[in-house]
Amino acid sequence: MYLFALEPPLVVDGWIAASSPEPCNSSLDAPAYLVKLRRPLSDGPAPGIALFDPSARVEFVNGEFVVRTEGVASPLRFRQCASNEGLHLTAWRGNHRTWHEYWYLGYDVEPNCSEKETAP
């Protein structure tokens, strides 16, 4: 398992310890897990992206996380951008968005997302 910390960009490996009864963020409707990391990411809570694929190779290139996996020709590229009060976390294969989650921050930030990044 890998966890990508978005600010500052960092990749840390670890393992899933258990399912969590509480969501990580009230704006997400997705399963949550407790993870153990080889080293801490930061001093406080911050959004990140977890990836479970033992064949994955992860690197941070030109402002995005690039994930190459066995048997897949085109890598996944994970990005983040800001809207008025939150972050849009996305994954792309080529020009096709394959995953999107919104992380509500609860305070104003400078928007920098394109329409393609925030589309439903």
Protein backbone atom coordinates (compact mmCIF):
# COMPACT_ATOMS: atom_id res chain seq x y z
CA MET A 1 0.00 0.00 0.00
CA TYR A 2 1.20 3.52 -0.82
CA LEU A 3 -0.07 6.80 0.55
CA PHE A 4 0.55 9.98 -1.42
CA ALA A 5 0.76 13.11 0.70
CA LEU A 6 -0.26 16.05 -1.43
CA GLU A 7 1.41 18.94 0.43
CA PRO A 8 4.36 18.56 0.34
CA PRO A 9 4.39 15.83 -2.32
CA LEU A 10 5.57 12.62 -0.69
CA VAL A 11 5.06 8.88 -1.17
CA VAL A 12 5.16 6.58 1.86
CA ASP A 13 4.57 2.83 1.91
CA GLY A 14 2.72 0.93 4.62
CA TRP A 15 -0.11 -1.52 5.17
CA ILE A 16 -3.84 -1.54 5.96
CA ALA A 17 -4.37 -2.31 9.66
CA ALA A 18 -8.20 -2.40 9.81
CA SER A 19 -11.44 -0.91 8.53
CA SER A 20 -12.42 2.35 10.18
CA PRO A 21 -15.94 2.84 11.55
CA GLU A 22 -15.66 6.60 10.92
CA PRO A 23 -15.15 8.33 7.55
CA CYS A 24 -11.96 10.34 7.00
CA ASN A 25 -13.95 13.29 5.68
CA SER A 26 -17.69 13.85 6.02
CA SER A 27 -17.95 14.93 2.36
CA LEU A 28 -16.74 11.52 1.12
CA ASP A 29 -19.04 8.53 0.82
CA ALA A 30 -16.32 5.89 0.63
CA PRO A 31 -14.91 3.20 2.91
CA ALA A 32 -12.23 4.34 5.34
CA TYR A 33 -9.29 2.36 6.68
CA LEU A 34 -6.73 2.65 9.44
CA VAL A 35 -3.24 2.40 7.98
CA LYS A 36 0.22 1.95 9.42
CA LEU A 37 2.97 3.86 7.61
CA ARG A 38 6.70 3.25 7.69
CA ARG A 39 7.20 6.91 8.59
CA PRO A 40 4.87 9.82 9.39
CA LEU A 41 3.69 12.10 6.62
CA SER A 42 3.06 15.27 8.62
CA ASP A 43 2.25 16.60 12.07
CA GLY A 44 -1.46 17.09 11.40
CA PRO A 45 -4.36 15.78 9.34
CA ALA A 46 -4.11 16.37 5.61
CA PRO A 47 -5.69 14.86 2.51
CA GLY A 48 -3.84 12.10 0.74
CA ILE A 49 -4.48 9.29 -1.73
CA ALA A 50 -4.05 5.64 -0.81
CA LEU A 51 -3.24 3.01 -3.44
CA PHE A 52 -3.21 -0.73 -2.89
CA ASP A 53 -1.39 -2.52 -5.70
CA PRO A 54 1.76 -4.50 -4.88
CA SER A 55 3.01 -4.14 -8.49
CA ALA A 56 2.81 -0.32 -8.47
CA ARG A 57 5.78 1.97 -8.99
CA VAL A 58 5.03 5.53 -7.88
CA GLU A 59 6.91 8.75 -8.57
CA PHE A 60 6.16 12.48 -8.44
CA VAL A 61 6.78 14.11 -11.84
CA ASN A 62 5.82 17.61 -13.06
CA GLY A 63 3.27 18.26 -10.31
CA GLU A 64 1.48 14.90 -10.36
CA PHE A 65 1.90 11.40 -9.01
CA VAL A 66 2.56 8.89 -11.80
CA VAL A 67 1.68 5.25 -11.06
CA ARG A 68 2.88 2.46 -13.31
CA THR A 69 1.51 -1.05 -12.71
CA GLU A 70 2.28 -4.45 -14.15
CA GLY A 71 0.43 -5.32 -17.34
CA VAL A 72 -0.90 -1.79 -17.98
CA ALA A 73 0.66 0.22 -20.81
CA SER A 74 -0.59 3.70 -19.83
CA PRO A 75 0.19 4.98 -16.30
CA LEU A 76 -2.34 6.54 -13.94
CA ARG A 77 -1.66 10.18 -13.12
CA PHE A 78 -3.03 11.54 -9.85
CA ARG A 79 -3.60 15.28 -9.53
CA GLN A 80 -5.14 17.81 -7.20
CA CYS A 81 -6.65 21.22 -7.82
CA ALA A 82 -8.57 23.70 -5.69
CA SER A 83 -12.12 25.02 -5.93
CA ASN A 84 -13.56 27.71 -3.62
CA GLU A 85 -13.59 25.66 -0.38
CA GLY A 86 -11.98 22.34 -1.19
CA LEU A 87 -9.72 20.12 -3.22
CA HIS A 88 -10.57 17.95 -6.20
CA LEU A 89 -8.48 14.78 -6.25
CA THR A 90 -8.44 13.05 -9.64
CA ALA A 91 -6.82 10.17 -11.49
CA TRP A 92 -6.26 10.21 -15.25
CA ARG A 93 -5.28 7.62 -17.84
CA GLY A 94 -4.30 9.59 -20.90
CA ASN A 95 -6.92 12.35 -21.27
CA HIS A 96 -9.67 10.30 -19.59
CA ARG A 97 -10.50 10.97 -15.93
CA THR A 98 -10.95 7.60 -14.17
CA TRP A 99 -11.52 8.75 -10.57
CA HIS A 100 -12.67 11.91 -8.77
CA GLU A 101 -13.18 12.80 -5.11
CA TYR A 102 -13.89 16.15 -3.48
CA TRP A 103 -12.23 17.02 -0.15
CA TYR A 104 -14.03 19.82 1.70
CA LEU A 105 -11.58 22.05 3.58
CA GLY A 106 -14.03 24.35 5.37
CA TYR A 107 -12.19 27.54 4.42
CA ASP A 108 -11.64 29.58 1.27
CA VAL A 109 -8.82 28.72 -1.11
CA GLU A 110 -7.80 30.17 -4.48
CA PRO A 111 -9.57 28.16 -7.22
CA ASN A 112 -7.33 26.73 -9.96
CA CYS A 113 -9.34 23.79 -11.37
CA SER A 114 -10.41 23.46 -14.98
CA GLU A 115 -14.01 22.52 -15.91
CA LYS A 116 -12.76 19.07 -16.98
CA GLU A 117 -11.27 18.44 -13.51
CA THR A 118 -14.48 19.30 -11.62
CA ALA A 119 -17.13 17.91 -13.99
CA PRO A 120 -19.49 15.31 -12.46
